[in-house]
Amino acid sequence: MFDRLYTPSVWSEMERLQREMNRLFNAFSPGWMRPAPCFPAVNVWANEEGQVVTAELPGVKMDDLDISVVNDTLTISGKRETAEPAGNGKYHRQERECGSFSRTISLPYPVDADKVEAVMEEGVLRITLPRAEADKPRKITVKSA
């Protein structure tokens, strides 16, 4: 009797129901309950002279990319086009997200926006953000009286 209750079709129906419930929950959940954005994946390094941000952007054209810096905030936005299956093919699995994206990153300190440089190489964007001169630590010389 146990074997008849838990056939593969029952399990596949349960998995389908779970996927549908997850989809509905994600569609109607408030913004604070949604996971943090994960595209593009970024790394941020900083030292006293400046910061470097790298972002993985495979399939994003440079013309579809926008980078802005305001004080200590960097925003990377753009879009990645959908790759349609060849011929009359249909997706079996689609995990790469397509469409518009935006990532805003709080930087550890203000940068000199006029000296920011961005280079794309092999699908990885590298942004160099020099620290603003006014914000750099200064060594103070102590004089004797």
Protein backbone atom coordinates (compact mmCIF):
# COMPACT_ATOMS: atom_id res chain seq x y z
CA MET A 1 0.00 0.00 0.00
CA PHE A 2 2.87 2.41 0.81
CA ASP A 3 4.31 1.93 -2.70
CA ARG A 4 1.05 2.95 -4.36
CA LEU A 5 0.81 6.23 -2.40
CA TYR A 6 4.31 7.47 -3.27
CA THR A 7 4.79 6.77 -6.95
CA PRO A 8 7.12 8.94 -9.04
CA SER A 9 4.14 10.86 -10.44
CA VAL A 10 3.12 11.87 -6.91
CA TRP A 11 6.63 13.17 -6.21
CA SER A 12 6.81 15.07 -9.49
CA GLU A 13 3.42 16.64 -8.74
CA MET A 14 4.64 17.66 -5.26
CA GLU A 15 7.77 19.23 -6.78
CA ARG A 16 5.63 21.10 -9.34
CA LEU A 17 3.37 22.37 -6.55
CA GLN A 18 6.40 23.53 -4.53
CA ARG A 19 7.85 25.38 -7.57
CA GLU A 20 4.50 27.07 -8.18
CA MET A 21 4.18 28.12 -4.52
CA ASN A 22 7.74 29.51 -4.58
CA ARG A 23 6.95 31.46 -7.75
CA LEU A 24 3.80 32.93 -6.21
CA PHE A 25 5.55 33.78 -2.96
CA ASN A 26 8.40 35.53 -4.79
CA ALA A 27 5.99 37.49 -6.97
CA PHE A 28 4.03 38.93 -4.02
CA SER A 29 6.67 39.20 -1.28
CA PRO A 30 7.65 42.71 -0.15
CA GLY A 31 11.03 44.06 -1.27
CA TRP A 32 12.72 43.55 2.11
CA MET A 33 12.00 39.81 1.91
CA ARG A 34 13.61 39.34 -1.51
CA PRO A 35 17.21 38.14 -1.68
CA ALA A 36 20.00 40.62 -2.36
CA PRO A 37 20.80 41.11 -6.04
CA CYS A 38 23.35 38.65 -7.30
CA PHE A 39 23.93 39.89 -10.84
CA PRO A 40 26.45 41.02 -11.57
CA ALA A 41 28.65 39.32 -8.99
CA VAL A 42 31.14 41.89 -7.68
CA ASN A 43 34.37 42.09 -5.69
CA VAL A 44 35.58 45.31 -4.02
CA TRP A 45 39.16 45.99 -2.86
CA ALA A 46 40.25 49.12 -1.06
CA ASN A 47 43.43 50.68 0.33
CA GLU A 48 44.45 54.24 1.27
CA GLU A 49 44.96 55.23 -2.38
CA GLY A 50 41.75 53.95 -3.93
CA GLN A 51 39.39 51.11 -4.67
CA VAL A 52 38.94 48.53 -7.37
CA VAL A 53 35.60 46.95 -8.21
CA THR A 54 35.33 43.97 -10.54
CA ALA A 55 32.01 42.73 -11.89
CA GLU A 56 31.26 39.61 -13.90
CA LEU A 57 29.25 40.66 -16.96
CA PRO A 58 29.31 37.84 -19.52
CA GLY A 59 27.11 38.55 -22.52
CA VAL A 60 26.70 42.28 -21.71
CA LYS A 61 27.64 44.65 -24.53
CA MET A 62 29.60 47.77 -23.56
CA ASP A 63 26.93 49.94 -25.24
CA ASP A 64 24.33 48.44 -22.87
CA LEU A 65 26.34 49.35 -19.75
CA ASP A 66 26.08 52.47 -17.57
CA ILE A 67 28.44 53.29 -14.68
CA SER A 68 27.99 56.25 -12.34
CA VAL A 69 29.77 57.47 -9.21
CA VAL A 70 28.34 59.96 -6.72
CA ASN A 71 30.45 60.62 -3.59
CA ASP A 72 30.90 57.15 -2.07
CA THR A 73 28.30 55.29 -4.14
CA LEU A 74 28.93 53.33 -7.34
CA THR A 75 26.07 52.20 -9.57
CA ILE A 76 26.48 49.65 -12.36
CA SER A 77 23.43 49.17 -14.55
CA GLY A 78 22.65 47.80 -17.96
CA LYS A 79 20.94 44.98 -19.76
CA ARG A 80 21.76 41.53 -21.03
CA GLU A 81 19.86 40.32 -24.08
CA THR A 82 18.00 37.01 -24.08
CA ALA A 83 19.68 34.31 -26.14
CA GLU A 84 16.95 32.50 -28.05
CA PRO A 85 17.36 28.78 -28.78
CA ALA A 86 18.39 27.96 -32.33
CA GLY A 87 15.75 26.85 -34.82
CA ASN A 88 12.58 25.56 -33.22
CA GLY A 89 14.39 24.51 -30.02
CA LYS A 90 12.93 25.00 -26.57
CA TYR A 91 14.77 25.59 -23.32
CA HIS A 92 15.33 22.52 -21.17
CA ARG A 93 16.92 24.64 -18.44
CA GLN A 94 17.46 28.41 -18.24
CA GLU A 95 19.55 29.68 -15.32
CA ARG A 96 21.27 32.76 -16.82
CA GLU A 97 19.23 35.83 -16.05
CA CYS A 98 18.51 38.25 -18.88
CA GLY A 99 17.04 41.72 -19.02
CA SER A 100 17.84 44.92 -17.14
CA PHE A 101 19.97 44.96 -13.98
CA SER A 102 21.32 47.51 -11.51
CA ARG A 103 23.77 47.16 -8.62
CA THR A 104 24.49 50.00 -6.21
CA ILE A 105 27.57 49.59 -4.04
CA SER A 106 28.46 51.73 -1.03
CA LEU A 107 32.18 52.40 -1.14
CA PRO A 108 34.32 52.85 1.99
CA TYR A 109 35.11 56.50 1.14
CA PRO A 110 34.49 59.20 -1.51
CA VAL A 111 36.32 58.93 -4.82
CA ASP A 112 37.66 61.39 -7.40
CA ALA A 113 34.95 60.87 -10.04
CA ASP A 114 37.02 62.62 -12.75
CA LYS A 115 39.74 59.96 -12.49
CA VAL A 116 37.56 56.82 -12.45
CA GLU A 117 38.50 54.31 -15.15
CA ALA A 118 36.55 51.27 -16.41
CA VAL A 119 37.86 48.46 -18.61
CA MET A 120 36.00 45.36 -19.86
CA GLU A 121 38.11 42.27 -20.56
CA GLU A 122 36.81 38.75 -21.21
CA GLY A 123 33.42 39.49 -19.64
CA VAL A 124 34.88 41.04 -16.47
CA LEU A 125 34.47 44.77 -15.83
CA ARG A 126 37.27 46.38 -13.79
CA ILE A 127 36.57 49.82 -12.32
CA THR A 128 39.44 51.75 -10.72
CA LEU A 129 38.24 54.43 -8.28
CA PRO A 130 40.98 56.73 -6.91
CA ARG A 131 40.33 58.13 -3.46
CA ALA A 132 39.41 61.82 -3.35
CA GLU A 133 42.43 63.94 -2.33
CA ALA A 134 40.39 65.78 0.30
CA ASP A 135 39.53 62.45 1.95
CA LYS A 136 43.03 60.92 2.00
CA PRO A 137 44.68 60.65 5.41
CA ARG A 138 47.41 63.24 5.96
CA LYS A 139 50.45 62.94 8.12
CA ILE A 140 50.74 65.88 10.50
CA THR A 141 54.22 67.05 11.41
CA VAL A 142 54.65 67.90 15.06
CA LYS A 143 56.78 71.01 15.71
CA SER A 144 58.57 71.77 18.91
CA ALA A 145 57.68 74.97 20.72
